[in-house]
């Protein structure tokens, strides 16, 4: 909205944005490299163990880091939260199980450790945009 302070506020916001952009473009320090390596190893761990991991807390504990540190790593280097990343990996595996192994929705939910098929179906639909049954019929 037009106000007496509009230009001043917009100028200040632009300054903050440019500062943040400059910070992100600075070369990484050695500590950033260590954190980046930890992030990459944890991300690969999530992919490798996606079938049995049911939570970020479980994954972080098995990997040897705290859930809070896992969240900080993903906030810093990832495009999504660790929960969203793990859920997407699990749903990618679910899609493979539904199409290649032709498992039923109930069997897929059980294989991935979901409490019931309805919980699995809601999670699958949230990620894929369609129900697992509809996904399976399209394949």
N, C-alpha and C. Protein backbone atom coordinates (compact mmCIF):
# COMPACT_ATOMS: atom_id res chain seq x y z
N UNK A 1 0.84 -1.19 0.00
CA UNK A 1 0.00 0.00 0.00
C UNK A 1 0.88 1.24 0.00
N UNK A 2 0.38 2.28 -0.60
CA UNK A 2 1.12 3.53 -0.65
C UNK A 2 1.03 4.21 0.71
N UNK A 3 2.16 4.58 1.26
CA UNK A 3 2.21 5.30 2.52
C UNK A 3 3.46 6.17 2.51
N UNK A 4 3.59 6.95 3.55
CA UNK A 4 4.74 7.84 3.64
C UNK A 4 6.05 7.06 3.78
N UNK A 5 5.97 5.87 4.32
CA UNK A 5 7.16 5.08 4.60
C UNK A 5 7.39 3.96 3.58
N UNK A 6 6.57 3.90 2.57
CA UNK A 6 6.62 2.79 1.61
C UNK A 6 7.99 2.66 0.95
N UNK A 7 8.51 3.75 0.41
CA UNK A 7 9.81 3.68 -0.28
C UNK A 7 10.93 3.30 0.68
N UNK A 8 10.89 3.83 1.87
CA UNK A 8 11.93 3.52 2.85
C UNK A 8 11.90 2.05 3.24
N UNK A 9 10.69 1.53 3.50
CA UNK A 9 10.56 0.12 3.88
C UNK A 9 10.99 -0.81 2.74
N UNK A 10 10.57 -0.49 1.53
CA UNK A 10 10.95 -1.33 0.39
C UNK A 10 12.47 -1.30 0.17
N UNK A 11 13.07 -0.15 0.36
CA UNK A 11 14.52 -0.05 0.24
C UNK A 11 15.24 -0.88 1.27
N UNK A 12 14.74 -0.87 2.50
CA UNK A 12 15.34 -1.66 3.57
C UNK A 12 15.17 -3.15 3.31
N UNK A 13 13.97 -3.55 2.85
CA UNK A 13 13.74 -4.96 2.53
C UNK A 13 14.65 -5.42 1.40
N UNK A 14 14.82 -4.58 0.41
CA UNK A 14 15.71 -4.91 -0.70
C UNK A 14 17.14 -5.09 -0.20
N UNK A 15 17.56 -4.23 0.72
CA UNK A 15 18.90 -4.36 1.29
C UNK A 15 19.09 -5.67 2.03
N UNK A 16 18.08 -6.08 2.79
CA UNK A 16 18.13 -7.35 3.52
C UNK A 16 18.22 -8.51 2.54
N UNK A 17 17.38 -8.48 1.50
CA UNK A 17 17.40 -9.56 0.51
C UNK A 17 18.75 -9.65 -0.20
N UNK A 18 19.31 -8.54 -0.57
CA UNK A 18 20.61 -8.55 -1.25
C UNK A 18 21.71 -9.07 -0.31
N UNK A 19 21.63 -8.74 0.96
CA UNK A 19 22.60 -9.25 1.93
C UNK A 19 22.49 -10.76 2.05
N UNK A 20 21.24 -11.28 2.12
CA UNK A 20 21.05 -12.73 2.23
C UNK A 20 21.56 -13.45 0.97
N UNK A 21 21.33 -12.86 -0.18
CA UNK A 21 21.82 -13.45 -1.43
C UNK A 21 23.34 -13.48 -1.43
N UNK A 22 23.95 -12.42 -0.98
CA UNK A 22 25.41 -12.36 -0.93
C UNK A 22 25.97 -13.39 0.04
N UNK A 23 25.32 -13.57 1.19
CA UNK A 23 25.77 -14.58 2.16
C UNK A 23 25.75 -15.97 1.56
N UNK A 24 24.72 -16.28 0.82
CA UNK A 24 24.59 -17.62 0.24
C UNK A 24 25.57 -17.86 -0.88
N UNK A 25 26.07 -16.80 -1.51
CA UNK A 25 26.98 -16.99 -2.63
C UNK A 25 28.44 -17.00 -2.20
N UNK A 26 28.72 -16.78 -0.91
CA UNK A 26 30.10 -16.82 -0.44
C UNK A 26 30.63 -18.25 -0.51
N UNK A 27 31.92 -18.42 -0.76
CA UNK A 27 32.48 -19.78 -0.78
C UNK A 27 32.30 -20.43 0.59
N UNK A 28 32.09 -21.74 0.57
CA UNK A 28 31.86 -22.45 1.82
C UNK A 28 33.16 -22.63 2.59
N UNK A 29 33.04 -22.59 3.89
CA UNK A 29 34.19 -22.82 4.76
C UNK A 29 34.37 -24.31 4.96
N UNK A 30 35.47 -24.70 5.60
CA UNK A 30 35.73 -26.11 5.87
C UNK A 30 34.63 -26.73 6.71
N UNK A 31 34.09 -25.97 7.66
CA UNK A 31 32.99 -26.50 8.48
C UNK A 31 31.78 -26.78 7.62
N UNK A 32 31.54 -25.96 6.59
CA UNK A 32 30.43 -26.22 5.69
C UNK A 32 30.64 -27.51 4.92
N UNK A 33 31.90 -27.79 4.56
CA UNK A 33 32.19 -29.02 3.83
C UNK A 33 31.88 -30.25 4.68
N UNK A 34 32.24 -30.19 5.95
CA UNK A 34 31.93 -31.31 6.84
C UNK A 34 30.44 -31.49 7.02
N UNK A 35 29.73 -30.39 7.17
CA UNK A 35 28.28 -30.47 7.31
C UNK A 35 27.65 -30.97 6.01
N UNK A 36 28.17 -30.52 4.88
CA UNK A 36 27.65 -30.96 3.58
C UNK A 36 27.86 -32.46 3.40
N UNK A 37 29.04 -32.96 3.81
CA UNK A 37 29.31 -34.39 3.71
C UNK A 37 28.36 -35.18 4.61
N UNK A 38 28.14 -34.69 5.82
CA UNK A 38 27.20 -35.35 6.73
C UNK A 38 25.81 -35.37 6.13
N UNK A 39 25.39 -34.26 5.55
CA UNK A 39 24.09 -34.19 4.89
C UNK A 39 23.97 -35.22 3.78
N UNK A 40 24.98 -35.29 2.92
CA UNK A 40 24.94 -36.23 1.80
C UNK A 40 24.91 -37.68 2.29
N UNK A 41 25.72 -38.00 3.31
CA UNK A 41 25.71 -39.36 3.85
C UNK A 41 24.36 -39.69 4.48
N UNK A 42 23.78 -38.73 5.20
CA UNK A 42 22.47 -38.95 5.83
C UNK A 42 21.39 -39.10 4.76
N UNK A 43 21.46 -38.29 3.72
CA UNK A 43 20.48 -38.38 2.63
C UNK A 43 20.54 -39.75 1.95
N UNK A 44 21.76 -40.24 1.70
CA UNK A 44 21.92 -41.57 1.11
C UNK A 44 21.46 -42.66 2.06
N UNK A 45 21.70 -42.46 3.36
CA UNK A 45 21.22 -43.40 4.36
C UNK A 45 19.70 -43.49 4.33
N UNK A 46 19.03 -42.35 4.19
CA UNK A 46 17.57 -42.34 4.12
C UNK A 46 17.07 -43.12 2.91
N UNK A 47 17.76 -43.00 1.80
CA UNK A 47 17.37 -43.73 0.59
C UNK A 47 17.58 -45.23 0.79
N UNK A 48 18.74 -45.60 1.32
CA UNK A 48 19.07 -47.02 1.48
C UNK A 48 18.15 -47.72 2.48
N UNK A 49 17.76 -47.03 3.54
CA UNK A 49 16.99 -47.66 4.61
C UNK A 49 15.52 -47.23 4.60
N UNK A 50 15.05 -46.71 3.49
CA UNK A 50 13.68 -46.15 3.45
C UNK A 50 12.58 -47.15 3.73
N UNK A 51 12.82 -48.41 3.47
CA UNK A 51 11.76 -49.40 3.69
C UNK A 51 11.50 -49.62 5.17
N UNK A 52 12.54 -49.57 5.98
CA UNK A 52 12.35 -49.87 7.40
C UNK A 52 12.27 -48.63 8.28
N UNK A 53 12.69 -47.48 7.78
CA UNK A 53 12.64 -46.26 8.58
C UNK A 53 11.23 -45.69 8.55
N UNK A 54 10.66 -45.46 9.72
CA UNK A 54 9.30 -44.93 9.77
C UNK A 54 9.25 -43.49 10.27
N UNK A 55 10.37 -42.97 10.74
CA UNK A 55 10.39 -41.59 11.22
C UNK A 55 11.79 -41.01 11.10
N UNK A 56 11.84 -39.69 11.11
CA UNK A 56 13.13 -39.00 11.08
C UNK A 56 13.88 -39.25 12.38
N UNK A 57 13.14 -39.33 13.48
CA UNK A 57 13.77 -39.59 14.78
C UNK A 57 14.49 -40.94 14.75
N UNK A 58 13.85 -41.94 14.21
CA UNK A 58 14.45 -43.27 14.11
C UNK A 58 15.69 -43.22 13.20
N UNK A 59 15.56 -42.52 12.08
CA UNK A 59 16.67 -42.43 11.13
C UNK A 59 17.86 -41.71 11.75
N UNK A 60 17.59 -40.59 12.40
CA UNK A 60 18.67 -39.82 13.01
C UNK A 60 19.38 -40.63 14.09
N UNK A 61 18.60 -41.33 14.90
CA UNK A 61 19.19 -42.13 15.97
C UNK A 61 20.10 -43.22 15.39
N UNK A 62 19.62 -43.93 14.38
CA UNK A 62 20.43 -44.98 13.76
C UNK A 62 21.67 -44.42 13.08
N UNK A 63 21.55 -43.23 12.52
CA UNK A 63 22.68 -42.61 11.83
C UNK A 63 23.69 -42.02 12.81
N UNK A 64 23.21 -41.70 14.02
CA UNK A 64 24.11 -41.16 15.03
C UNK A 64 24.11 -39.65 15.15
N UNK A 65 23.02 -39.02 14.72
CA UNK A 65 22.88 -37.58 14.89
C UNK A 65 21.54 -37.31 15.56
N UNK A 66 21.35 -36.09 16.03
CA UNK A 66 20.08 -35.74 16.66
C UNK A 66 19.07 -35.36 15.57
N UNK A 67 17.78 -35.55 15.85
CA UNK A 67 16.76 -35.12 14.89
C UNK A 67 16.85 -33.62 14.59
N UNK A 68 17.19 -32.83 15.59
CA UNK A 68 17.31 -31.38 15.38
C UNK A 68 18.43 -31.07 14.39
N UNK A 69 19.56 -31.79 14.52
CA UNK A 69 20.68 -31.57 13.60
C UNK A 69 20.29 -32.01 12.19
N UNK A 70 19.55 -33.11 12.08
CA UNK A 70 19.08 -33.56 10.77
C UNK A 70 18.21 -32.48 10.11
N UNK A 71 17.35 -31.86 10.91
CA UNK A 71 16.51 -30.78 10.37
C UNK A 71 17.34 -29.58 9.94
N UNK A 72 18.36 -29.24 10.74
CA UNK A 72 19.23 -28.13 10.37
C UNK A 72 19.99 -28.42 9.07
N UNK A 73 20.47 -29.65 8.92
CA UNK A 73 21.18 -30.03 7.70
C UNK A 73 20.27 -29.89 6.48
N UNK A 74 19.04 -30.38 6.60
CA UNK A 74 18.12 -30.31 5.46
C UNK A 74 17.68 -28.88 5.19
N UNK A 75 17.55 -28.08 6.23
CA UNK A 75 17.19 -26.68 6.03
C UNK A 75 18.32 -25.95 5.29
N UNK A 76 19.53 -26.35 5.60
CA UNK A 76 20.70 -25.68 5.03
C UNK A 76 21.03 -26.16 3.61
N UNK A 77 20.96 -27.47 3.38
CA UNK A 77 21.42 -28.02 2.11
C UNK A 77 20.34 -28.68 1.26
N UNK A 78 19.20 -28.97 1.83
CA UNK A 78 18.16 -29.69 1.10
C UNK A 78 17.06 -28.77 0.61
N UNK A 79 16.21 -29.34 -0.23
CA UNK A 79 15.08 -28.58 -0.76
C UNK A 79 13.81 -28.83 0.05
N UNK A 80 13.84 -29.84 0.90
CA UNK A 80 12.67 -30.20 1.70
C UNK A 80 13.14 -30.56 3.11
N UNK A 81 12.18 -30.75 3.99
CA UNK A 81 12.53 -31.19 5.35
C UNK A 81 12.94 -32.66 5.30
N UNK A 82 13.63 -33.17 6.33
CA UNK A 82 13.98 -34.59 6.31
C UNK A 82 12.74 -35.48 6.30
N UNK A 83 11.68 -35.04 6.98
CA UNK A 83 10.44 -35.82 6.98
C UNK A 83 9.87 -35.91 5.56
N UNK A 84 9.79 -34.77 4.87
CA UNK A 84 9.26 -34.76 3.51
C UNK A 84 10.13 -35.60 2.58
N UNK A 85 11.44 -35.51 2.76
CA UNK A 85 12.36 -36.28 1.91
C UNK A 85 12.18 -37.78 2.15
N UNK A 86 12.13 -38.17 3.42
CA UNK A 86 11.96 -39.59 3.75
C UNK A 86 10.61 -40.09 3.24
N UNK A 87 9.56 -39.30 3.42
CA UNK A 87 8.23 -39.71 2.95
C UNK A 87 8.23 -39.87 1.43
N UNK A 88 8.86 -38.96 0.72
CA UNK A 88 8.92 -39.07 -0.74
C UNK A 88 9.69 -40.33 -1.15
N UNK A 89 10.79 -40.63 -0.48
CA UNK A 89 11.55 -41.84 -0.79
C UNK A 89 10.72 -43.10 -0.52
N UNK A 90 9.98 -43.08 0.58
CA UNK A 90 9.13 -44.23 0.91
C UNK A 90 8.00 -44.39 -0.11
N UNK A 91 7.45 -43.28 -0.58
CA UNK A 91 6.37 -43.36 -1.57
C UNK A 91 6.91 -43.75 -2.94
N UNK A 92 8.16 -43.39 -3.25
CA UNK A 92 8.79 -43.88 -4.48
C UNK A 92 8.93 -45.40 -4.43
N UNK A 93 9.34 -45.90 -3.28
CA UNK A 93 9.44 -47.35 -3.10
C UNK A 93 8.06 -47.99 -3.20
N UNK A 94 7.07 -47.35 -2.60
CA UNK A 94 5.70 -47.86 -2.66
C UNK A 94 5.23 -47.95 -4.11
N UNK A 95 5.54 -46.92 -4.90
CA UNK A 95 5.15 -46.93 -6.32
C UNK A 95 5.79 -48.11 -7.04
N UNK A 96 7.06 -48.39 -6.73
CA UNK A 96 7.74 -49.54 -7.33
C UNK A 96 7.06 -50.85 -6.91
N UNK A 97 6.73 -50.95 -5.63
CA UNK A 97 6.08 -52.18 -5.14
C UNK A 97 4.71 -52.37 -5.78
N UNK A 98 3.98 -51.28 -5.95
CA UNK A 98 2.64 -51.36 -6.54
C UNK A 98 2.69 -51.70 -8.02
N UNK A 99 3.70 -51.22 -8.73
CA UNK A 99 3.73 -51.45 -10.17
C UNK A 99 4.53 -52.69 -10.56
N UNK A 100 5.73 -52.84 -10.01
CA UNK A 100 6.59 -53.94 -10.45
C UNK A 100 6.27 -55.25 -9.74
N UNK A 101 6.02 -55.19 -8.46
CA UNK A 101 5.71 -56.42 -7.74
C UNK A 101 4.21 -56.69 -7.68
N UNK A 102 3.43 -55.71 -8.13
CA UNK A 102 1.97 -55.84 -8.18
C UNK A 102 1.37 -56.19 -6.82
N UNK A 103 1.95 -55.63 -5.75
CA UNK A 103 1.40 -55.85 -4.42
C UNK A 103 0.11 -55.08 -4.26
N UNK A 104 -0.77 -55.59 -3.41
CA UNK A 104 -1.99 -54.87 -3.07
C UNK A 104 -1.63 -53.70 -2.17
N UNK A 105 -2.53 -52.75 -2.06
CA UNK A 105 -2.31 -51.58 -1.22
C UNK A 105 -2.06 -52.02 0.22
N UNK A 106 -2.83 -52.96 0.70
CA UNK A 106 -2.69 -53.45 2.07
C UNK A 106 -1.32 -54.08 2.28
N UNK A 107 -0.85 -54.85 1.34
CA UNK A 107 0.46 -55.49 1.44
C UNK A 107 1.59 -54.46 1.39
N UNK A 108 1.44 -53.48 0.54
CA UNK A 108 2.44 -52.42 0.43
C UNK A 108 2.53 -51.64 1.73
N UNK A 109 1.37 -51.30 2.29
CA UNK A 109 1.33 -50.57 3.57
C UNK A 109 2.04 -51.36 4.66
N UNK A 110 1.78 -52.66 4.71
CA UNK A 110 2.41 -53.51 5.73
C UNK A 110 3.92 -53.61 5.50
N UNK A 111 4.35 -53.74 4.26
CA UNK A 111 5.77 -53.86 3.95
C UNK A 111 6.53 -52.60 4.36
N UNK A 112 5.87 -51.44 4.25
CA UNK A 112 6.53 -50.18 4.59
C UNK A 112 6.31 -49.77 6.05
N UNK A 113 5.62 -50.61 6.82
CA UNK A 113 5.48 -50.34 8.25
C UNK A 113 4.40 -49.34 8.63
N UNK A 114 3.43 -49.11 7.76
CA UNK A 114 2.33 -48.22 8.10
C UNK A 114 1.36 -48.96 9.02
N UNK A 115 0.73 -48.21 9.91
CA UNK A 115 -0.18 -48.81 10.89
C UNK A 115 -1.38 -49.46 10.21
N UNK A 116 -1.86 -48.85 9.15
CA UNK A 116 -2.99 -49.42 8.41
C UNK A 116 -2.98 -48.90 6.97
N UNK A 117 -3.73 -49.56 6.09
CA UNK A 117 -3.73 -49.15 4.68
C UNK A 117 -4.27 -47.73 4.47
N UNK A 118 -5.16 -47.28 5.34
CA UNK A 118 -5.73 -45.94 5.18
C UNK A 118 -4.68 -44.86 5.43
N UNK A 119 -3.87 -45.07 6.44
CA UNK A 119 -2.78 -44.13 6.71
C UNK A 119 -1.82 -44.09 5.52
N UNK A 120 -1.50 -45.25 5.00
CA UNK A 120 -0.63 -45.33 3.83
C UNK A 120 -1.25 -44.63 2.63
N UNK A 121 -2.54 -44.87 2.37
CA UNK A 121 -3.21 -44.27 1.23
C UNK A 121 -3.22 -42.75 1.31
N UNK A 122 -3.45 -42.21 2.51
CA UNK A 122 -3.43 -40.75 2.68
C UNK A 122 -2.04 -40.19 2.39
N UNK A 123 -1.01 -40.87 2.91
CA UNK A 123 0.36 -40.40 2.68
C UNK A 123 0.71 -40.49 1.19
N UNK A 124 0.34 -41.58 0.55
CA UNK A 124 0.64 -41.76 -0.87
C UNK A 124 -0.05 -40.68 -1.70
N UNK A 125 -1.32 -40.42 -1.40
CA UNK A 125 -2.06 -39.42 -2.15
C UNK A 125 -1.48 -38.02 -1.93
N UNK A 126 -1.01 -37.74 -0.71
CA UNK A 126 -0.40 -36.44 -0.42
C UNK A 126 0.85 -36.23 -1.28
N UNK A 127 1.61 -37.30 -1.50
CA UNK A 127 2.86 -37.18 -2.27
C UNK A 127 2.61 -37.31 -3.77
N UNK A 128 1.85 -38.30 -4.18
CA UNK A 128 1.68 -38.59 -5.61
C UNK A 128 0.52 -37.84 -6.26
N UNK A 129 -0.42 -37.38 -5.45
CA UNK A 129 -1.56 -36.66 -6.00
C UNK A 129 -2.74 -37.54 -6.36
N UNK A 130 -2.53 -38.86 -6.35
CA UNK A 130 -3.62 -39.80 -6.60
C UNK A 130 -3.52 -40.94 -5.60
N UNK A 131 -4.59 -41.68 -5.46
CA UNK A 131 -4.58 -42.80 -4.52
C UNK A 131 -3.70 -43.92 -5.04
N UNK A 132 -3.22 -44.79 -4.15
CA UNK A 132 -2.39 -45.91 -4.62
C UNK A 132 -3.14 -46.84 -5.57
N UNK A 133 -4.42 -47.02 -5.30
CA UNK A 133 -5.22 -47.89 -6.16
C UNK A 133 -5.33 -47.29 -7.57
N UNK A 134 -5.61 -45.99 -7.65
CA UNK A 134 -5.69 -45.31 -8.95
C UNK A 134 -4.32 -45.34 -9.65
N UNK A 135 -3.26 -45.16 -8.89
CA UNK A 135 -1.91 -45.21 -9.45
C UNK A 135 -1.64 -46.58 -10.05
N UNK A 136 -2.03 -47.60 -9.33
CA UNK A 136 -1.79 -48.98 -9.80
C UNK A 136 -2.60 -49.26 -11.06
N UNK A 137 -3.80 -48.74 -11.13
CA UNK A 137 -4.64 -48.97 -12.33
C UNK A 137 -4.09 -48.26 -13.55
N UNK A 138 -3.44 -47.11 -13.35
CA UNK A 138 -2.85 -46.36 -14.47
C UNK A 138 -1.65 -47.09 -15.06
N UNK A 139 -0.99 -47.89 -14.24
CA UNK A 139 0.22 -48.58 -14.69
C UNK A 139 -0.22 -49.79 -15.43
